[in-house]
C-alpha atoms as a PDB file:
ATOM      1  CA  MET A   1      96.802   1.718  98.610  1.00  0.00           C
ATOM      2  CA  VAL A   2      94.427   0.223  96.087  1.00  0.00           C
ATOM      3  CA  ILE A   3      96.162  -2.356  93.644  1.00  0.00           C
ATOM      4  CA  GLN A   4      94.571  -4.471  91.217  1.00  0.00           C
ATOM      5  CA  GLY A   5      91.148  -3.449  92.793  1.00  0.00           C
ATOM      6  CA  ARG A   6      92.225  -4.658  96.162  1.00  0.00           C
ATOM      7  CA  ARG A   7      92.983  -2.326  99.183  1.00  0.00           C
ATOM      8  CA  ILE A   8      96.546  -2.986 100.497  1.00  0.00           C
ATOM      9  CA  THR A   9      97.231  -2.380 104.231  1.00  0.00           C
ATOM     10  CA  ASP A  10     100.404  -2.401 106.228  1.00  0.00           C
ATOM     11  CA  GLY A  11      99.328  -5.757 107.653  1.00  0.00           C
ATOM     12  CA  GLU A  12      98.876  -7.379 104.253  1.00  0.00           C
ATOM     13  CA  ILE A  13     102.470  -6.058 103.236  1.00  0.00           C
ATOM     14  CA  ALA A  14     103.724  -7.586 106.479  1.00  0.00           C
ATOM     15  CA  LEU A  15     102.122 -10.880 105.456  1.00  0.00           C
ATOM     16  CA  ILE A  16     103.910 -10.842 102.089  1.00  0.00           C
ATOM     17  CA  ARG A  17     107.174 -10.202 103.627  1.00  0.00           C
ATOM     18  CA  ASP A  18     106.688 -12.904 106.274  1.00  0.00           C
ATOM     19  CA  LEU A  19     105.812 -15.415 103.536  1.00  0.00           C
ATOM     20  CA  MET A  20     109.027 -14.649 101.550  1.00  0.00           C
ATOM     21  CA  ALA A  21     111.161 -14.674 104.792  1.00  0.00           C
ATOM     22  CA  GLU A  22     109.734 -18.316 105.981  1.00  0.00           C
ATOM     23  CA  HIS A  23     109.969 -19.791 102.356  1.00  0.00           C
ATOM     24  CA  ARG A  24     113.081 -18.520 100.683  1.00  0.00           C
ATOM     25  CA  ASP A  25     112.952 -21.270  98.114  1.00  0.00           C
ATOM     26  CA  TRP A  26     109.627 -20.038  96.726  1.00  0.00           C
ATOM     27  CA  GLY A  27     109.654 -18.397  93.283  1.00  0.00           C
ATOM     28  CA  ARG A  28     107.307 -15.621  92.418  1.00  0.00           C
ATOM     29  CA  THR A  29     104.614 -18.104  90.870  1.00  0.00           C
ATOM     30  CA  ARG A  30     104.385 -20.065  94.254  1.00  0.00           C
ATOM     31  CA  LEU A  31     104.444 -16.737  96.265  1.00  0.00           C
ATOM     32  CA  SER A  32     101.563 -15.343  94.153  1.00  0.00           C
ATOM     33  CA  GLU A  33      99.431 -18.557  94.428  1.00  0.00           C
ATOM     34  CA  GLU A  34      99.814 -18.937  98.189  1.00  0.00           C
ATOM     35  CA  LEU A  35      99.011 -15.243  98.625  1.00  0.00           C
ATOM     36  CA  CYS A  36      95.755 -15.829  96.923  1.00  0.00           C
ATOM     37  CA  ARG A  37      94.956 -18.736  99.211  1.00  0.00           C
ATOM     38  CA  CYS A  38      96.051 -16.643 102.244  1.00  0.00           C
ATOM     39  CA  TRP A  39      93.501 -13.831 101.087  1.00  0.00           C
ATOM     40  CA  ASN A  40      91.000 -16.340  99.485  1.00  0.00           C
ATOM     41  CA  TRP A  41      91.321 -14.120  96.471  1.00  0.00           C
ATOM     42  CA  ARG A  42      89.377 -15.860  93.722  1.00  0.00           C
ATOM     43  CA  ASN A  43      87.174 -15.294  90.733  1.00  0.00           C
ATOM     44  CA  ALA A  44      83.537 -16.025  90.274  1.00  0.00           C
ATOM     45  CA  GLN A  45      84.382 -19.558  89.200  1.00  0.00           C
ATOM     46  CA  GLY A  46      86.321 -20.192  92.486  1.00  0.00           C
ATOM     47  CA  ARG A  47      89.795 -20.141  90.747  1.00  0.00           C
ATOM     48  CA  ILE A  48      92.533 -18.218  92.436  1.00  0.00           C
ATOM     49  CA  LYS A  49      93.531 -14.817  90.916  1.00  0.00           C
ATOM     50  CA  ASP A  50      97.313 -15.645  90.645  1.00  0.00           C
ATOM     51  CA  MET A  51      98.031 -13.492  87.671  1.00  0.00           C
ATOM     52  CA  ALA A  52      96.222 -10.436  89.467  1.00  0.00           C
ATOM     53  CA  ALA A  53      98.461 -11.188  92.555  1.00  0.00           C
ATOM     54  CA  ARG A  54     101.500 -11.472  90.477  1.00  0.00           C
ATOM     55  CA  SER A  55     100.798  -8.068  88.957  1.00  0.00           C
ATOM     56  CA  LEU A  56     100.185  -6.777  92.459  1.00  0.00           C
ATOM     57  CA  LEU A  57     103.525  -8.115  93.813  1.00  0.00           C
ATOM     58  CA  LEU A  58     105.339  -6.328  90.979  1.00  0.00           C
ATOM     59  CA  LYS A  59     103.599  -3.034  91.485  1.00  0.00           C
ATOM     60  CA  LEU A  60     104.477  -3.294  95.192  1.00  0.00           C
ATOM     61  CA  GLU A  61     108.136  -3.985  94.385  1.00  0.00           C
ATOM     62  CA  ARG A  62     108.094  -0.769  91.950  1.00  0.00           C
ATOM     63  CA  ARG A  63     106.831   1.271  94.893  1.00  0.00           C
ATOM     64  CA  GLY A  64     109.536   0.152  97.135  1.00  0.00           C
ATOM     65  CA  CYS A  65     107.225  -1.803  99.539  1.00  0.00           C
ATOM     66  CA  ILE A  66     108.784  -5.212  98.972  1.00  0.00           C
ATOM     67  CA  GLU A  67     111.849  -6.912  97.291  1.00  0.00           C
ATOM     68  CA  LEU A  68     110.757  -9.932  95.504  1.00  0.00           C
ATOM     69  CA  PRO A  69     112.916 -12.959  94.967  1.00  0.00           C
ATOM     70  CA  ALA A  70     115.017 -13.111  91.741  1.00  0.00           C
ATOM     71  CA  ARG A  71     113.337 -14.747  88.647  1.00  0.00           C
ATOM     72  CA  GLN A  72     113.930 -18.514  88.671  1.00  0.00           C
ATOM     73  CA  ARG A  73     113.336 -18.379  84.860  1.00  0.00           C
ATOM     74  CA  PRO A  74     112.868 -15.759  82.057  1.00  0.00           C
ATOM     75  CA  SER A  75     109.358 -14.072  81.926  1.00  0.00           C
ATOM     76  CA  SER A  76     107.096 -16.407  79.615  1.00  0.00           C
ATOM     77  CA  ASN A  77     105.005 -13.364  78.770  1.00  0.00           C
ATOM     78  CA  HIS A  78     108.022 -11.866  76.728  1.00  0.00           C
ATOM     79  CA  PHE A  79     108.468 -15.083  75.055  1.00  0.00           C
ATOM     80  CA  ARG A  80     104.760 -15.422  74.175  1.00  0.00           C
ATOM     81  CA  ASN A  81     104.595 -11.967  72.874  1.00  0.00           C
ATOM     82  CA  ARG A  82     107.634 -12.570  70.625  1.00  0.00           C
ATOM     83  CA  CYS A  83     106.491 -15.678  69.149  1.00  0.00           C
ATOM     84  CA  VAL A  84     103.591 -14.462  67.114  1.00  0.00           C
ATOM     85  CA  PRO A  85     103.182 -16.787  64.061  1.00  0.00           C
ATOM     86  CA  ALA A  86     103.190 -15.016  60.551  1.00  0.00           C
ATOM     87  CA  VAL A  87      99.822 -14.934  58.764  1.00  0.00           C
ATOM     88  CA  GLU A  88      99.873 -14.306  55.052  1.00  0.00           C
ATOM     89  CA  PRO A  89      97.138 -12.096  53.363  1.00  0.00           C
ATOM     90  CA  ALA A  90      94.572 -13.529  51.370  1.00  0.00           C
ATOM     91  CA  ALA A  91      95.099 -14.516  47.838  1.00  0.00           C
ATOM     92  CA  GLU A  92      92.280 -12.554  46.591  1.00  0.00           C
ATOM     93  CA  PRO A  93      90.553  -9.335  48.187  1.00  0.00           C
ATOM     94  CA  ILE A  94      86.885  -9.458  49.435  1.00  0.00           C
ATOM     95  CA  ARG A  95      84.945  -6.719  47.792  1.00  0.00           C
ATOM     96  CA  SER A  96      81.118  -6.858  47.768  1.00  0.00           C
ATOM     97  CA  ASP A  97      77.945  -5.857  49.480  1.00  0.00           C
ATOM     98  CA  LEU A  98      77.355  -6.856  53.032  1.00  0.00           C
ATOM     99  CA  SER A  99      74.415  -9.058  52.000  1.00  0.00           C
ATOM    100  CA  ALA A 100      76.781 -11.247  49.944  1.00  0.00           C
ATOM    101  CA  LEU A 101      78.634 -12.182  53.209  1.00  0.00           C
ATOM    102  CA  ARG A 102      75.733 -12.907  55.412  1.00  0.00           C
ATOM    103  CA  PRO A 103      75.315 -14.602  57.687  1.00  0.00           C
ATOM    104  CA  LEU A 104      78.523 -14.153  59.529  1.00  0.00           C
ATOM    105  CA  SER A 105      79.707 -16.204  62.474  1.00  0.00           C
ATOM    106  CA  ALA A 106      81.601 -15.027  65.410  1.00  0.00           C
ATOM    107  CA  ASP A 107      83.744 -17.944  66.796  1.00  0.00           C
ATOM    108  CA  LEU A 108      85.138 -17.961  70.337  1.00  0.00           C
ATOM    109  CA  VAL A 109      88.863 -18.520  70.342  1.00  0.00           C
ATOM    110  CA  ALA A 110      89.916 -21.152  72.740  1.00  0.00           C
ATOM    111  CA  PRO A 111      93.264 -20.916  74.513  1.00  0.00           C
ATOM    112  CA  ARG A 112      96.173 -23.000  73.005  1.00  0.00           C
ATOM    113  CA  SER A 113      94.049 -23.926  69.882  1.00  0.00           C
ATOM    114  CA  ASP A 114      94.973 -23.426  66.236  1.00  0.00           C
ATOM    115  CA  ASN A 115      92.421 -20.450  66.098  1.00  0.00           C
ATOM    116  CA  SER A 116      94.499 -18.929  69.047  1.00  0.00           C
ATOM    117  CA  GLN A 117      97.558 -18.947  66.993  1.00  0.00           C
ATOM    118  CA  LEU A 118      95.797 -17.669  64.125  1.00  0.00           C
ATOM    119  CA  PHE A 119      94.294 -14.755  66.096  1.00  0.00           C
ATOM    120  CA  LYS A 120      97.599 -13.792  67.469  1.00  0.00           C
ATOM    121  CA  GLY A 121      99.211 -13.811  64.033  1.00  0.00           C
ATOM    122  CA  LEU A 122      96.389 -11.668  62.600  1.00  0.00           C
ATOM    123  CA  LEU A 123      96.717  -8.886  65.383  1.00  0.00           C
ATOM    124  CA  GLY A 124     100.475  -9.218  65.269  1.00  0.00           C
ATOM    125  CA  ARG A 125     100.898  -8.442  61.588  1.00  0.00           C
ATOM    126  CA  TYR A 126      97.901  -6.316  60.611  1.00  0.00           C
ATOM    127  CA  HIS A 127      96.863  -4.220  63.850  1.00  0.00           C
ATOM    128  CA  TYR A 128      98.714  -1.012  64.369  1.00  0.00           C
ATOM    129  CA  LEU A 129      99.015  -1.852  68.227  1.00  0.00           C
ATOM    130  CA  GLY A 130      99.980  -5.334  67.621  1.00  0.00           C
ATOM    131  CA  HIS A 131      99.176  -8.399  69.954  1.00  0.00           C
ATOM    132  CA  ARG A 132     100.030  -8.491  73.547  1.00  0.00           C
ATOM    133  CA  ASN A 133      99.528 -11.544  76.098  1.00  0.00           C
ATOM    134  CA  THR A 134      96.075 -10.851  77.838  1.00  0.00           C
ATOM    135  CA  VAL A 135      95.830 -10.767  81.600  1.00  0.00           C
ATOM    136  CA  GLY A 136      92.585 -11.166  83.486  1.00  0.00           C
ATOM    137  CA  GLU A 137      89.254 -12.041  81.991  1.00  0.00           C
ATOM    138  CA  ASN A 138      88.841 -11.732  78.309  1.00  0.00           C
ATOM    139  CA  LEU A 139      87.044 -13.027  75.134  1.00  0.00           C
ATOM    140  CA  ARG A 140      88.516 -13.343  71.648  1.00  0.00           C
ATOM    141  CA  TYR A 141      86.539 -13.680  68.516  1.00  0.00           C
ATOM    142  CA  LEU A 142      87.205 -14.764  64.908  1.00  0.00           C
ATOM    143  CA  ILE A 143      84.668 -13.517  62.469  1.00  0.00           C
ATOM    144  CA  ARG A 144      83.951 -15.461  59.161  1.00  0.00           C
ATOM    145  CA  ASP A 145      81.513 -14.798  56.400  1.00  0.00           C
ATOM    146  CA  ARG A 146      78.962 -17.393  54.945  1.00  0.00           C
ATOM    147  CA  HIS A 147      81.855 -19.122  52.854  1.00  0.00           C
ATOM    148  CA  GLY A 148      84.032 -19.557  55.784  1.00  0.00           C
ATOM    149  CA  ARG A 149      86.421 -16.615  55.016  1.00  0.00           C
ATOM    150  CA  LEU A 150      87.998 -14.674  57.789  1.00  0.00           C
ATOM    151  CA  VAL A 151      86.811 -11.149  57.682  1.00  0.00           C
ATOM    152  CA  ALA A 152      87.569  -9.695  61.175  1.00  0.00           C
ATOM    153  CA  CYS A 153      88.752 -10.361  64.678  1.00  0.00           C
ATOM    154  CA  ALA A 154      87.988  -8.716  67.980  1.00  0.00           C
ATOM    155  CA  LEU A 155      89.375  -8.933  71.677  1.00  0.00           C
ATOM    156  CA  PHE A 156      87.535  -7.737  74.670  1.00  0.00           C
ATOM    157  CA  GLY A 157      89.419  -7.713  78.035  1.00  0.00           C
ATOM    158  CA  SER A 158      89.593  -5.993  81.428  1.00  0.00           C
ATOM    159  CA  ALA A 159      87.942  -2.402  81.518  1.00  0.00           C
ATOM    160  CA  ALA A 160      90.081   0.621  82.185  1.00  0.00           C
ATOM    161  CA  TRP A 161      90.729   1.100  85.801  1.00  0.00           C
ATOM    162  CA  LYS A 162      89.623   4.796  85.732  1.00  0.00           C
ATOM    163  CA  CYS A 163      87.960   6.996  83.139  1.00  0.00           C
ATOM    164  CA  ALA A 164      86.555  10.320  84.360  1.00  0.00           C
ATOM    165  CA  ASP A 165      83.968  10.718  81.652  1.00  0.00           C
ATOM    166  CA  ARG A 166      82.832   7.052  81.836  1.00  0.00           C
ATOM    167  CA  ASP A 167      82.748   6.984  85.689  1.00  0.00           C
ATOM    168  CA  ARG A 168      80.791  10.177  85.794  1.00  0.00           C
ATOM    169  CA  PHE A 169      78.292   8.980  83.055  1.00  0.00           C
ATOM    170  CA  LEU A 170      77.762   5.532  85.198  1.00  0.00           C
ATOM    171  CA  GLY A 171      77.536   7.349  88.479  1.00  0.00           C
ATOM    172  CA  TRP A 172      80.613   5.520  89.847  1.00  0.00           C
ATOM    173  CA  ASP A 173      82.347   6.613  92.950  1.00  0.00           C
ATOM    174  CA  ARG A 174      85.657   4.839  93.704  1.00  0.00           C
ATOM    175  CA  ALA A 175      84.220   2.173  95.888  1.00  0.00           C
ATOM    176  CA  CYS A 176      81.454   1.471  93.395  1.00  0.00           C
ATOM    177  CA  ARG A 177      83.919   1.189  90.558  1.00  0.00           C
ATOM    178  CA  GLU A 178      86.214  -1.130  92.423  1.00  0.00           C
ATOM    179  CA  ARG A 179      83.398  -3.371  93.342  1.00  0.00           C
ATOM    180  CA  ASN A 180      81.730  -3.616  89.868  1.00  0.00           C
ATOM    181  CA  LEU A 181      84.611  -3.101  87.331  1.00  0.00           C
ATOM    182  CA  GLN A 182      84.428  -6.746  86.409  1.00  0.00           C
ATOM    183  CA  ALA A 183      80.951  -6.375  85.044  1.00  0.00           C
ATOM    184  CA  LEU A 184      82.423  -3.976  82.298  1.00  0.00           C
ATOM    185  CA  THR A 185      84.634  -5.148  79.306  1.00  0.00           C
ATOM    186  CA  ASN A 186      86.856  -3.267  76.993  1.00  0.00           C
ATOM    187  CA  ASN A 187      87.045  -3.654  73.341  1.00  0.00           C
ATOM    188  CA  THR A 188      90.881  -3.586  73.358  1.00  0.00           C
ATOM    189  CA  ARG A 189      91.368  -4.764  69.741  1.00  0.00           C
ATOM    190  CA  PHE A 190      89.032  -4.665  66.788  1.00  0.00           C
ATOM    191  CA  LEU A 191      90.416  -5.494  63.202  1.00  0.00           C
ATOM    192  CA  ILE A 192      88.771  -5.595  59.774  1.00  0.00           C
ATOM    193  CA  LEU A 193      91.325  -7.473  57.730  1.00  0.00           C
ATOM    194  CA  PRO A 194      93.088  -5.240  55.181  1.00  0.00           C
ATOM    195  CA  TRP A 195      92.064  -7.192  52.088  1.00  0.00           C
ATOM    196  CA  VAL A 196      88.322  -6.843  53.224  1.00  0.00           C
ATOM    197  CA  GLU A 197      86.478  -3.851  51.666  1.00  0.00           C
ATOM    198  CA  VAL A 198      82.803  -4.234  52.502  1.00  0.00           C
ATOM    199  CA  PRO A 199      80.628  -1.227  53.517  1.00  0.00           C
ATOM    200  CA  HIS A 200      78.972  -1.300  57.002  1.00  0.00           C
ATOM    201  CA  LEU A 201      80.915  -4.629  57.850  1.00  0.00           C
ATOM    202  CA  ALA A 202      82.432  -3.282  60.964  1.00  0.00           C
ATOM    203  CA  SER A 203      79.332  -1.943  62.522  1.00  0.00           C
ATOM    204  CA  HIS A 204      77.536  -5.204  61.607  1.00  0.00           C
ATOM    205  CA  VAL A 205      80.280  -7.184  63.384  1.00  0.00           C
ATOM    206  CA  LEU A 206      80.113  -5.049  66.574  1.00  0.00           C
ATOM    207  CA  GLY A 207      76.309  -5.803  66.572  1.00  0.00           C
ATOM    208  CA  LEU A 208      76.819  -9.447  66.131  1.00  0.00           C
ATOM    209  CA  ILE A 209      79.227  -9.615  69.057  1.00  0.00           C
ATOM    210  CA  ALA A 210      77.071  -7.442  71.232  1.00  0.00           C
ATOM    211  CA  ARG A 211      74.117  -9.804  70.984  1.00  0.00           C
ATOM    212  CA  ARG A 212      76.057 -12.798  72.353  1.00  0.00           C
ATOM    213  CA  ILE A 213      78.852 -11.558  74.476  1.00  0.00           C
ATOM    214  CA  ARG A 214      76.807 -11.443  77.681  1.00  0.00           C
ATOM    215  CA  ASP A 215      76.026 -15.086  77.353  1.00  0.00           C
ATOM    216  CA  ASP A 216      79.642 -16.050  76.309  1.00  0.00           C
ATOM    217  CA  TRP A 217      81.118 -14.161  79.360  1.00  0.00           C
ATOM    218  CA  GLN A 218      78.595 -15.813  81.723  1.00  0.00           C
ATOM    219  CA  GLY A 219      79.528 -19.146  80.327  1.00  0.00           C
ATOM    220  CA  LYS A 220      83.306 -18.674  80.579  1.00  0.00           C
ATOM    221  CA  TYR A 221      83.455 -16.752  83.846  1.00  0.00           C
ATOM    222  CA  ALA A 222      80.321 -17.441  85.640  1.00  0.00           C
ATOM    223  CA  HIS A 223      78.987 -14.022  85.723  1.00  0.00           C
ATOM    224  CA  PRO A 224      77.734 -11.532  83.034  1.00  0.00           C
ATOM    225  CA  VAL A 225      78.925  -8.231  81.833  1.00  0.00           C
ATOM    226  CA  HIS A 226      76.341  -5.361  81.437  1.00  0.00           C
ATOM    227  CA  ALA A 227      78.119  -2.850  79.149  1.00  0.00           C
ATOM    228  CA  LEU A 228      81.110  -2.667  76.606  1.00  0.00           C
ATOM    229  CA  GLU A 229      83.550   0.161  76.407  1.00  0.00           C
ATOM    230  CA  THR A 230      86.103   1.144  73.980  1.00  0.00           C
ATOM    231  CA  PHE A 231      88.733   3.918  73.433  1.00  0.00           C
ATOM    232  CA  VAL A 232      89.254   5.318  69.893  1.00  0.00           C
ATOM    233  CA  ASP A 233      92.495   6.974  69.009  1.00  0.00           C
ATOM    234  CA  ARG A 234      91.099  10.277  67.437  1.00  0.00           C
ATOM    235  CA  SER A 235      94.347  11.103  65.598  1.00  0.00           C
ATOM    236  CA  ARG A 236      93.826   7.696  63.512  1.00  0.00           C
ATOM    237  CA  PHE A 237      90.176   6.970  63.428  1.00  0.00           C
ATOM    238  CA  LYS A 238      86.884   8.770  63.526  1.00  0.00           C
ATOM    239  CA  GLY A 239      84.928   6.024  65.497  1.00  0.00           C
ATOM    240  CA  THR A 240      82.301   5.922  62.625  1.00  0.00           C
ATOM    241  CA  CYS A 241      81.653   2.078  62.974  1.00  0.00           C
ATOM    242  CA  TYR A 242      81.033   2.436  66.718  1.00  0.00           C
ATOM    243  CA  ARG A 243      78.706   5.291  66.326  1.00  0.00           C
ATOM    244  CA  ALA A 244      76.878   3.292  63.366  1.00  0.00           C
ATOM    245  CA  ALA A 245      76.558   0.355  65.875  1.00  0.00           C
ATOM    246  CA  ASN A 246      74.898   2.833  68.437  1.00  0.00           C
ATOM    247  CA  TRP A 247      77.721   2.936  70.938  1.00  0.00           C
ATOM    248  CA  MET A 248      77.550   6.297  72.789  1.00  0.00           C
ATOM    249  CA  ARG A 249      80.468   8.757  72.877  1.00  0.00           C
ATOM    250  CA  LEU A 250      80.931   9.923  76.493  1.00  0.00           C
ATOM    251  CA  GLY A 251      83.902  12.232  76.011  1.00  0.00           C
ATOM    252  CA  ALA A 252      87.519  12.064  75.646  1.00  0.00           C
ATOM    253  CA  THR A 253      90.633  11.036  77.551  1.00  0.00           C
ATOM    254  CA  GLN A 254      93.110  13.657  78.684  1.00  0.00           C
ATOM    255  CA  GLY A 255      96.258  12.285  76.916  1.00  0.00           C
ATOM    256  CA  ARG A 256      97.788  10.511  79.913  1.00  0.00           C
ATOM    257  CA  THR A 257      98.318   6.891  80.924  1.00  0.00           C
ATOM    258  CA  ARG A 258      97.570   5.018  84.173  1.00  0.00           C
ATOM    259  CA  ASN A 259     101.294   4.979  84.976  1.00  0.00           C
ATOM    260  CA  ASP A 260     101.536   8.941  84.548  1.00  0.00           C
ATOM    261  CA  ARG A 261     101.815   9.912  88.376  1.00  0.00           C
ATOM    262  CA  ASP A 262     103.876  12.807  87.680  1.00  0.00           C
ATOM    263  CA  ARG A 263     101.853  14.057  84.714  1.00  0.00           C
ATOM    264  CA  ARG A 264     104.841  13.814  82.229  1.00  0.00           C
ATOM    265  CA  ILE A 265     103.855  10.921  79.885  1.00  0.00           C
ATOM    266  CA  GLN A 266     102.125  12.058  76.724  1.00  0.00           C
ATOM    267  CA  ALA A 267      99.676   9.589  75.040  1.00  0.00           C
ATOM    268  CA  PRO A 268      97.168  10.062  72.285  1.00  0.00           C
ATOM    269  CA  VAL A 269      93.856  11.667  73.288  1.00  0.00           C
ATOM    270  CA  LYS A 270      91.152   8.873  72.750  1.00  0.00           C
ATOM    271  CA  ASP A 271      87.385   9.192  72.438  1.00  0.00           C
ATOM    272  CA  VAL A 272      85.427   7.164  74.948  1.00  0.00           C
ATOM    273  CA  TYR A 273      82.612   5.062  73.713  1.00  0.00           C
ATOM    274  CA  LEU A 274      80.194   2.834  75.789  1.00  0.00           C
ATOM    275  CA  TYR A 275      77.530   0.306  74.632  1.00  0.00           C
ATOM    276  CA  PRO A 276      74.803  -0.922  77.230  1.00  0.00           C
ATOM    277  CA  LEU A 277      73.907  -4.561  77.017  1.00  0.00           C
ATOM    278  CA  ILE A 278      70.701  -4.332  79.067  1.00  0.00           C
ATOM    279  CA  PRO A 279      68.150  -1.534  79.685  1.00  0.00           C
ATOM    280  CA  ASP A 280      69.238  -1.284  83.440  1.00  0.00           C
ATOM    281  CA  PHE A 281      72.917  -1.340  83.065  1.00  0.00           C
ATOM    282  CA  ARG A 282      73.419   1.744  85.400  1.00  0.00           C
ATOM    283  CA  ARG A 283      71.477  -0.056  88.204  1.00  0.00           C
ATOM    284  CA  GLU A 284      73.522  -3.155  87.767  1.00  0.00           C
ATOM    285  CA  LEU A 285      77.059  -1.558  87.525  1.00  0.00           C
ATOM    286  CA  CYS A 286      76.125   0.700  90.479  1.00  0.00           C
ATOM    287  CA  ALA A 287      74.860  -2.178  92.614  1.00  0.00           C
ATOM    288  CA  PRO A 288      76.120  -2.746  96.177  1.00  0.00           C
ATOM    289  CA  ALA A 289      77.929  -6.009  96.878  1.00  0.00           C
ATOM    290  CA  CYS A 290      75.202  -7.627  98.673  1.00  0.00           C
ATOM    291  CA  SER A 291      72.547  -7.218  95.808  1.00  0.00           C
ATOM    292  CA  ARG A 292      75.085  -8.536  93.269  1.00  0.00           C
ATOM    293  CA  THR A 293      75.467 -11.714  95.340  1.00  0.00           C
ATOM    294  CA  GLU A 294      71.966 -12.052  95.858  1.00  0.00           C
ATOM    295  CA  GLY A 295      71.250 -11.708  91.970  1.00  0.00           C
ATOM    296  CA  ARG A 296      73.849 -14.401  91.154  1.00  0.00           C
ATOM    297  CA  ALA A 297      72.074 -16.687  93.770  1.00  0.00           C
ATOM    298  CA  GLY A 298      68.671 -16.038  92.241  1.00  0.00           C
ATOM    299  CA  ARG A 299      69.601 -16.778  88.580  1.00  0.00           C
END
């Protein structure tokens, strides 16, 4: 099995069972942390990937491979997702040419900051998908105009685990995708605030973020990303702003979800878009493990 990008053998499942048997007082958090240390499972900054390990344990339990200890406290994710602050709309609409708003600024949203609460509130109230707690590497942006007024927000998180048209375009086989997926990020949320009516604003914001996100990712996670992806629900949107910002449409999804093993779950068909951040993005995204390590050491 491959779960959370990690190949799981019978021996690793036996290790998990042994840890639970030897430490019956451990909760799920402690178990995931110790499992990371046993496997030396860390991100590029050297931090243990305990959230990935926790997700892996839950998936193993759903498959009947292990039985986790009972939760010692309610899930904090459910609480965080419920407690989204309300954000009232602006008193006056913003209607003008783009030139009247420039230059725009894209501010990174720090965890547990006032901007973080504002970001959650905006998506929670005004985005049709709402706000969910993010797991894994991600960057959040609040976009303001020259007068300091909020006009948009955007979230970039983990890339889709599988996507046939994307993987074919990049030249990814399974091993290559598992190895290099963290060098791709998904624009999972993009919102122009409903009181803002400015032609060409959305594509301008996408371009503004594209010019800086590679450095932002390097600064936060100690490795760059080489391309951006997104999935546009074609029943709701035409993807005009992505095409105007020079994103490439690669194809469409099959109307299934990653949990649809029995091909029974119906999901909206989405157009697949990709935006390269560097000219040799394919080479970087298809690089073997050794060359990626050498590249980081040489920078």
